[in-house]
C-alpha cells in the first residue's frame, strides 16, 4: 500500500479493523470485534476476507480448520 489512502477494499478493511482494535495507553485492547451483517450482504466476500485477514474468525458451527465456531458463554 502506498500513500495514506487504501488501494483496495481489503486494504481499507484491514486498516479499519486494526484501528478499531487499538486501545489508548493504560487500557486493555479489545479481545474481539463483532461485525454484524444480519442480511448477509458480506457473505459472498468471506472467502477473500478470510484469506486476507488471518485474525478473522466466524461464529457458527464448530469447524476449527475453517476458523469458525460457536460463541462461548460464561
PDB file of N, CA and C in Angstrom:
ATOM      1  N   UNK A   1       0.849  -1.164   0.000  1.00  0.00           N
ATOM      2  CA  UNK A   1       0.000   0.000   0.000  1.00  0.00           C
ATOM      3  C   UNK A   1       0.896   1.229   0.000  1.00  0.00           C
ATOM      4  N   UNK A   2       0.606   2.161  -0.858  1.00  0.00           N
ATOM      5  CA  UNK A   2       1.384   3.386  -0.932  1.00  0.00           C
ATOM      6  C   UNK A   2       0.511   4.564  -0.555  1.00  0.00           C
ATOM      7  N   UNK A   3       1.135   5.618  -0.013  1.00  0.00           N
ATOM      8  CA  UNK A   3       0.365   6.798   0.352  1.00  0.00           C
ATOM      9  C   UNK A   3      -0.481   6.535   1.580  1.00  0.00           C
ATOM     10  N   UNK A   4      -1.402   7.451   1.855  1.00  0.00           N
ATOM     11  CA  UNK A   4      -2.199   7.329   3.067  1.00  0.00           C
ATOM     12  C   UNK A   4      -3.580   6.731   2.817  1.00  0.00           C
ATOM     13  N   UNK A   5      -3.987   6.597   1.574  1.00  0.00           N
ATOM     14  CA  UNK A   5      -5.306   6.027   1.317  1.00  0.00           C
ATOM     15  C   UNK A   5      -5.161   4.580   0.835  1.00  0.00           C
ATOM     16  N   UNK A   6      -6.094   3.718   1.246  1.00  0.00           N
ATOM     17  CA  UNK A   6      -6.012   2.305   0.860  1.00  0.00           C
ATOM     18  C   UNK A   6      -6.198   2.131  -0.647  1.00  0.00           C
ATOM     19  N   UNK A   7      -5.556   1.094  -1.165  1.00  0.00           N
ATOM     20  CA  UNK A   7      -5.633   0.820  -2.597  1.00  0.00           C
ATOM     21  C   UNK A   7      -6.822  -0.062  -2.957  1.00  0.00           C
ATOM     22  N   UNK A   8      -7.217  -0.920  -2.035  1.00  0.00           N
ATOM     23  CA  UNK A   8      -8.309  -1.855  -2.315  1.00  0.00           C
ATOM     24  C   UNK A   8      -9.275  -1.880  -1.135  1.00  0.00           C
ATOM     25  N   UNK A   9     -10.426  -2.501  -1.349  1.00  0.00           N
ATOM     26  CA  UNK A   9     -11.383  -2.675  -0.266  1.00  0.00           C
ATOM     27  C   UNK A   9     -10.761  -3.487   0.866  1.00  0.00           C
ATOM     28  N   UNK A  10     -10.005  -4.530   0.536  1.00  0.00           N
ATOM     29  CA  UNK A  10      -9.374  -5.346   1.576  1.00  0.00           C
ATOM     30  C   UNK A  10      -8.366  -4.534   2.366  1.00  0.00           C
ATOM     31  N   UNK A  11      -7.602  -3.654   1.696  1.00  0.00           N
ATOM     32  CA  UNK A  11      -6.668  -2.773   2.405  1.00  0.00           C
ATOM     33  C   UNK A  11      -7.430  -1.869   3.371  1.00  0.00           C
ATOM     34  N   UNK A  12      -8.555  -1.329   2.921  1.00  0.00           N
ATOM     35  CA  UNK A  12      -9.362  -0.440   3.766  1.00  0.00           C
ATOM     36  C   UNK A  12      -9.929  -1.198   4.959  1.00  0.00           C
ATOM     37  N   UNK A  13     -10.418  -2.413   4.742  1.00  0.00           N
ATOM     38  CA  UNK A  13     -10.946  -3.218   5.843  1.00  0.00           C
ATOM     39  C   UNK A  13      -9.853  -3.586   6.833  1.00  0.00           C
ATOM     40  N   UNK A  14      -8.694  -3.974   6.331  1.00  0.00           N
ATOM     41  CA  UNK A  14      -7.565  -4.316   7.201  1.00  0.00           C
ATOM     42  C   UNK A  14      -7.214  -3.114   8.086  1.00  0.00           C
ATOM     43  N   UNK A  15      -7.128  -1.927   7.495  1.00  0.00           N
ATOM     44  CA  UNK A  15      -6.790  -0.717   8.250  1.00  0.00           C
ATOM     45  C   UNK A  15      -7.900  -0.373   9.247  1.00  0.00           C
ATOM     46  N   UNK A  16      -9.145  -0.525   8.837  1.00  0.00           N
ATOM     47  CA  UNK A  16     -10.271  -0.217   9.723  1.00  0.00           C
ATOM     48  C   UNK A  16     -10.307  -1.167  10.918  1.00  0.00           C
ATOM     49  N   UNK A  17     -10.096  -2.459  10.678  1.00  0.00           N
ATOM     50  CA  UNK A  17     -10.077  -3.427  11.776  1.00  0.00           C
ATOM     51  C   UNK A  17      -8.938  -3.113  12.737  1.00  0.00           C
ATOM     52  N   UNK A  18      -7.759  -2.824  12.200  1.00  0.00           N
ATOM     53  CA  UNK A  18      -6.603  -2.513  13.050  1.00  0.00           C
ATOM     54  C   UNK A  18      -6.893  -1.286  13.910  1.00  0.00           C
ATOM     55  N   UNK A  19      -7.496  -0.259  13.329  1.00  0.00           N
ATOM     56  CA  UNK A  19      -7.820   0.950  14.084  1.00  0.00           C
ATOM     57  C   UNK A  19      -8.870   0.659  15.153  1.00  0.00           C
ATOM     58  N   UNK A  20      -9.848  -0.178  14.839  1.00  0.00           N
ATOM     59  CA  UNK A  20     -10.917  -0.498  15.786  1.00  0.00           C
ATOM     60  C   UNK A  20     -10.412  -1.311  16.964  1.00  0.00           C
ATOM     61  N   UNK A  21      -9.343  -2.046  16.772  1.00  0.00           N
ATOM     62  CA  UNK A  21      -8.823  -2.909  17.829  1.00  0.00           C
ATOM     63  C   UNK A  21      -7.717  -2.256  18.647  1.00  0.00           C
ATOM     64  N   UNK A  22      -7.416  -0.981  18.376  1.00  0.00           N
ATOM     65  CA  UNK A  22      -6.426  -0.252  19.176  1.00  0.00           C
ATOM     66  C   UNK A  22      -7.077   0.239  20.456  1.00  0.00           C
ATOM     67  N   UNK A  23      -6.266   0.377  21.486  1.00  0.00           N
ATOM     68  CA  UNK A  23      -6.743   0.903  22.764  1.00  0.00           C
ATOM     69  C   UNK A  23      -5.792   2.004  23.220  1.00  0.00           C
ATOM     70  N   UNK A  24      -6.322   3.009  23.914  1.00  0.00           N
ATOM     71  CA  UNK A  24      -5.443   4.058  24.443  1.00  0.00           C
ATOM     72  C   UNK A  24      -4.495   3.488  25.496  1.00  0.00           C
ATOM     73  N   UNK A  25      -3.405   4.198  25.754  1.00  0.00           N
ATOM     74  CA  UNK A  25      -2.447   3.757  26.768  1.00  0.00           C
ATOM     75  C   UNK A  25      -3.157   3.511  28.093  1.00  0.00           C
ATOM     76  N   UNK A  26      -2.798   2.428  28.744  1.00  0.00           N
ATOM     77  CA  UNK A  26      -3.359   2.096  30.035  1.00  0.00           C
ATOM     78  C   UNK A  26      -4.682   1.355  29.976  1.00  0.00           C
ATOM     79  N   UNK A  27      -5.168   1.083  28.778  1.00  0.00           N
ATOM     80  CA  UNK A  27      -6.438   0.375  28.613  1.00  0.00           C
ATOM     81  C   UNK A  27      -6.153  -0.926  27.862  1.00  0.00           C
ATOM     82  N   UNK A  28      -6.718  -2.019  28.345  1.00  0.00           N
ATOM     83  CA  UNK A  28      -6.521  -3.310  27.673  1.00  0.00           C
ATOM     84  C   UNK A  28      -7.146  -3.264  26.280  1.00  0.00           C
ATOM     85  N   UNK A  29      -6.450  -3.798  25.279  1.00  0.00           N
ATOM     86  CA  UNK A  29      -7.028  -3.806  23.926  1.00  0.00           C
ATOM     87  C   UNK A  29      -8.231  -4.748  23.854  1.00  0.00           C
ATOM     88  N   UNK A  30      -9.146  -4.489  22.933  1.00  0.00           N
ATOM     89  CA  UNK A  30     -10.301  -5.381  22.783  1.00  0.00           C
ATOM     90  C   UNK A  30      -9.857  -6.791  22.410  1.00  0.00           C
ATOM     91  N   UNK A  31     -10.591  -7.775  22.873  1.00  0.00           N
ATOM     92  CA  UNK A  31     -10.313  -9.168  22.531  1.00  0.00           C
ATOM     93  C   UNK A  31     -11.022  -9.569  21.251  1.00  0.00           C
ATOM     94  N   UNK A  32     -12.057  -8.819  20.877  1.00  0.00           N
ATOM     95  CA  UNK A  32     -12.836  -9.177  19.696  1.00  0.00           C
ATOM     96  C   UNK A  32     -13.505  -7.938  19.116  1.00  0.00           C
ATOM     97  N   UNK A  33     -13.741  -8.014  17.842  1.00  0.00           N
ATOM     98  CA  UNK A  33     -14.521  -7.006  17.144  1.00  0.00           C
ATOM     99  C   UNK A  33     -15.671  -7.753  16.484  1.00  0.00           C
ATOM    100  N   UNK A  34     -16.883  -7.488  16.921  1.00  0.00           N
ATOM    101  CA  UNK A  34     -18.048  -8.164  16.357  1.00  0.00           C
ATOM    102  C   UNK A  34     -18.608  -7.322  15.226  1.00  0.00           C
ATOM    103  N   UNK A  35     -18.742  -7.950  14.077  1.00  0.00           N
ATOM    104  CA  UNK A  35     -19.208  -7.262  12.879  1.00  0.00           C
ATOM    105  C   UNK A  35     -20.506  -7.943  12.470  1.00  0.00           C
ATOM    106  N   UNK A  36     -21.608  -7.299  12.741  1.00  0.00           N
ATOM    107  CA  UNK A  36     -22.897  -7.921  12.436  1.00  0.00           C
ATOM    108  C   UNK A  36     -23.322  -7.618  11.007  1.00  0.00           C
ATOM    109  N   UNK A  37     -23.900  -8.593  10.377  1.00  0.00           N
ATOM    110  CA  UNK A  37     -24.386  -8.481   8.999  1.00  0.00           C
ATOM    111  C   UNK A  37     -25.620  -9.371   8.888  1.00  0.00           C
ATOM    112  N   UNK A  38     -26.685  -8.938   9.551  1.00  0.00           N
ATOM    113  CA  UNK A  38     -27.897  -9.752   9.660  1.00  0.00           C
ATOM    114  C   UNK A  38     -28.464 -10.165   8.306  1.00  0.00           C
ATOM    115  N   UNK A  39     -28.309  -9.320   7.298  1.00  0.00           N
ATOM    116  CA  UNK A  39     -28.857  -9.628   5.973  1.00  0.00           C
ATOM    117  C   UNK A  39     -27.896 -10.422   5.093  1.00  0.00           C
ATOM    118  N   UNK A  40     -26.663 -10.643   5.562  1.00  0.00           N
ATOM    119  CA  UNK A  40     -25.695 -11.447   4.811  1.00  0.00           C
ATOM    120  C   UNK A  40     -25.103 -10.766   3.584  1.00  0.00           C
ATOM    121  N   UNK A  41     -25.078  -9.438   3.577  1.00  0.00           N
ATOM    122  CA  UNK A  41     -24.540  -8.721   2.420  1.00  0.00           C
ATOM    123  C   UNK A  41     -23.057  -9.026   2.162  1.00  0.00           C
ATOM    124  N   UNK A  42     -22.291  -9.310   3.222  1.00  0.00           N
ATOM    125  CA  UNK A  42     -20.853  -9.540   3.078  1.00  0.00           C
ATOM    126  C   UNK A  42     -20.512 -11.010   2.861  1.00  0.00           C
ATOM    127  N   UNK A  43     -21.495 -11.889   2.987  1.00  0.00           N
ATOM    128  CA  UNK A  43     -21.238 -13.335   2.914  1.00  0.00           C
ATOM    129  C   UNK A  43     -20.471 -13.767   1.656  1.00  0.00           C
ATOM    130  N   UNK A  44     -20.782 -13.241   0.464  1.00  0.00           N
ATOM    131  CA  UNK A  44     -20.023 -13.655  -0.721  1.00  0.00           C
ATOM    132  C   UNK A  44     -18.536 -13.268  -0.662  1.00  0.00           C
ATOM    133  N   UNK A  45     -18.196 -12.282   0.156  1.00  0.00           N
ATOM    134  CA  UNK A  45     -16.805 -11.839   0.251  1.00  0.00           C
ATOM    135  C   UNK A  45     -16.011 -12.561   1.335  1.00  0.00           C
ATOM    136  N   UNK A  46     -16.671 -13.409   2.128  1.00  0.00           N
ATOM    137  CA  UNK A  46     -15.982 -14.061   3.241  1.00  0.00           C
ATOM    138  C   UNK A  46     -14.751 -14.868   2.829  1.00  0.00           C
ATOM    139  N   UNK A  47     -14.759 -15.644   1.746  1.00  0.00           N
ATOM    140  CA  UNK A  47     -13.531 -16.361   1.391  1.00  0.00           C
ATOM    141  C   UNK A  47     -12.336 -15.412   1.171  1.00  0.00           C
ATOM    142  N   UNK A  48     -12.544 -14.318   0.492  1.00  0.00           N
ATOM    143  CA  UNK A  48     -11.456 -13.357   0.265  1.00  0.00           C
ATOM    144  C   UNK A  48     -11.056 -12.678   1.571  1.00  0.00           C
ATOM    145  N   UNK A  49     -12.041 -12.347   2.403  1.00  0.00           N
ATOM    146  CA  UNK A  49     -11.735 -11.719   3.686  1.00  0.00           C
ATOM    147  C   UNK A  49     -10.962 -12.664   4.593  1.00  0.00           C
ATOM    148  N   UNK A  50     -11.364 -13.937   4.629  1.00  0.00           N
ATOM    149  CA  UNK A  50     -10.675 -14.919   5.471  1.00  0.00           C
ATOM    150  C   UNK A  50      -9.238 -15.118   5.014  1.00  0.00           C
ATOM    151  N   UNK A  51      -9.007 -15.061   3.716  1.00  0.00           N
ATOM    152  CA  UNK A  51      -7.646 -15.209   3.192  1.00  0.00           C
ATOM    153  C   UNK A  51      -6.796 -13.987   3.527  1.00  0.00           C
ATOM    154  N   UNK A  52      -7.381 -12.800   3.425  1.00  0.00           N
ATOM    155  CA  UNK A  52      -6.636 -11.555   3.638  1.00  0.00           C
ATOM    156  C   UNK A  52      -6.473 -11.203   5.112  1.00  0.00           C
ATOM    157  N   UNK A  53      -7.369 -11.677   5.951  1.00  0.00           N
ATOM    158  CA  UNK A  53      -7.369 -11.313   7.369  1.00  0.00           C
ATOM    159  C   UNK A  53      -7.274 -12.573   8.224  1.00  0.00           C
ATOM    160  N   UNK A  54      -6.063 -13.057   8.489  1.00  0.00           N
ATOM    161  CA  UNK A  54      -5.922 -14.310   9.237  1.00  0.00           C
ATOM    162  C   UNK A  54      -6.462 -14.234  10.655  1.00  0.00           C
ATOM    163  N   UNK A  55      -6.677 -13.041  11.181  1.00  0.00           N
ATOM    164  CA  UNK A  55      -7.230 -12.888  12.521  1.00  0.00           C
ATOM    165  C   UNK A  55      -8.759 -12.921  12.516  1.00  0.00           C
ATOM    166  N   UNK A  56      -9.376 -13.095  11.362  1.00  0.00           N
ATOM    167  CA  UNK A  56     -10.830 -13.123  11.241  1.00  0.00           C
ATOM    168  C   UNK A  56     -11.359 -14.525  11.529  1.00  0.00           C
ATOM    169  N   UNK A  57     -12.310 -14.583  12.458  1.00  0.00           N
ATOM    170  CA  UNK A  57     -12.982 -15.833  12.808  1.00  0.00           C
ATOM    171  C   UNK A  57     -14.481 -15.618  12.665  1.00  0.00           C
ATOM    172  N   UNK A  58     -15.192 -16.676  12.352  1.00  0.00           N
ATOM    173  CA  UNK A  58     -16.638 -16.594  12.162  1.00  0.00           C
ATOM    174  C   UNK A  58     -17.370 -17.327  13.272  1.00  0.00           C
ATOM    175  N   UNK A  59     -18.517 -16.793  13.651  1.00  0.00           N
ATOM    176  CA  UNK A  59     -19.396 -17.520  14.554  1.00  0.00           C
ATOM    177  C   UNK A  59     -20.217 -18.491  13.731  1.00  0.00           C
ATOM    178  N   UNK A  60     -20.379 -19.702  14.242  1.00  0.00           N
ATOM    179  CA  UNK A  60     -21.157 -20.698  13.515  1.00  0.00           C
ATOM    180  C   UNK A  60     -20.856 -22.077  14.055  1.00  0.00           C
ATOM    181  N   UNK A  61     -21.197 -23.108  13.308  1.00  0.00           N
ATOM    182  CA  UNK A  61     -20.910 -24.484  13.736  1.00  0.00           C
ATOM    183  C   UNK A  61     -19.409 -24.682  13.920  1.00  0.00           C
ATOM    184  N   UNK A  62     -19.056 -25.567  14.849  1.00  0.00           N
ATOM    185  CA  UNK A  62     -17.655 -25.823  15.155  1.00  0.00           C
ATOM    186  C   UNK A  62     -16.930 -26.400  13.942  1.00  0.00           C
ATOM    187  N   UNK A  63     -15.985 -25.629  13.418  1.00  0.00           N
ATOM    188  CA  UNK A  63     -15.156 -26.054  12.289  1.00  0.00           C
ATOM    189  C   UNK A  63     -13.820 -25.315  12.406  1.00  0.00           C
ATOM    190  N   UNK A  64     -12.938 -25.767  13.328  1.00  0.00           N
ATOM    191  CA  UNK A  64     -11.700 -25.033  13.583  1.00  0.00           C
ATOM    192  C   UNK A  64     -10.803 -24.892  12.357  1.00  0.00           C
ATOM    193  N   UNK A  65     -10.821 -25.858  11.463  1.00  0.00           N
ATOM    194  CA  UNK A  65      -9.996 -25.770  10.257  1.00  0.00           C
ATOM    195  C   UNK A  65     -10.458 -24.638   9.344  1.00  0.00           C
ATOM    196  N   UNK A  66     -11.689 -24.196   9.536  1.00  0.00           N
ATOM    197  CA  UNK A  66     -12.237 -23.074   8.745  1.00  0.00           C
ATOM    198  C   UNK A  66     -12.293 -21.795   9.569  1.00  0.00           C
ATOM    199  N   UNK A  67     -11.666 -21.800  10.759  1.00  0.00           N
ATOM    200  CA  UNK A  67     -11.676 -20.658  11.681  1.00  0.00           C
ATOM    201  C   UNK A  67     -13.109 -20.226  11.995  1.00  0.00           C
ATOM    202  N   UNK A  68     -13.902 -21.212  12.344  1.00  0.00           N
ATOM    203  CA  UNK A  68     -15.313 -20.974  12.635  1.00  0.00           C
ATOM    204  C   UNK A  68     -15.706 -21.763  13.862  1.00  0.00           C
ATOM    205  N   UNK A  69     -16.566 -21.173  14.694  1.00  0.00           N
ATOM    206  CA  UNK A  69     -17.037 -21.894  15.854  1.00  0.00           C
ATOM    207  C   UNK A  69     -18.143 -21.158  16.572  1.00  0.00           C
ATOM    208  N   UNK A  70     -18.760 -21.825  17.556  1.00  0.00           N
ATOM    209  CA  UNK A  70     -19.869 -21.226  18.297  1.00  0.00           C
ATOM    210  C   UNK A  70     -19.356 -20.204  19.316  1.00  0.00           C
ATOM    211  N   UNK A  71     -20.248 -19.387  19.763  1.00  0.00           N
ATOM    212  CA  UNK A  71     -19.932 -18.425  20.808  1.00  0.00           C
ATOM    213  C   UNK A  71     -19.750 -19.175  22.117  1.00  0.00           C
ATOM    214  N   UNK A  72     -18.894 -18.666  22.963  1.00  0.00           N
ATOM    215  CA  UNK A  72     -18.677 -19.270  24.275  1.00  0.00           C
ATOM    216  C   UNK A  72     -19.319 -18.345  25.304  1.00  0.00           C
ATOM    217  N   UNK A  73     -20.299 -18.833  26.001  1.00  0.00           N
ATOM    218  CA  UNK A  73     -20.972 -18.051  27.043  1.00  0.00           C
ATOM    219  C   UNK A  73     -20.347 -18.377  28.383  1.00  0.00           C
ATOM    220  N   UNK A  74     -20.088 -17.343  29.187  1.00  0.00           N
ATOM    221  CA  UNK A  74     -19.516 -17.580  30.512  1.00  0.00           C
ATOM    222  C   UNK A  74     -20.457 -17.103  31.585  1.00  0.00           C
TER     223      UNK A  74
END
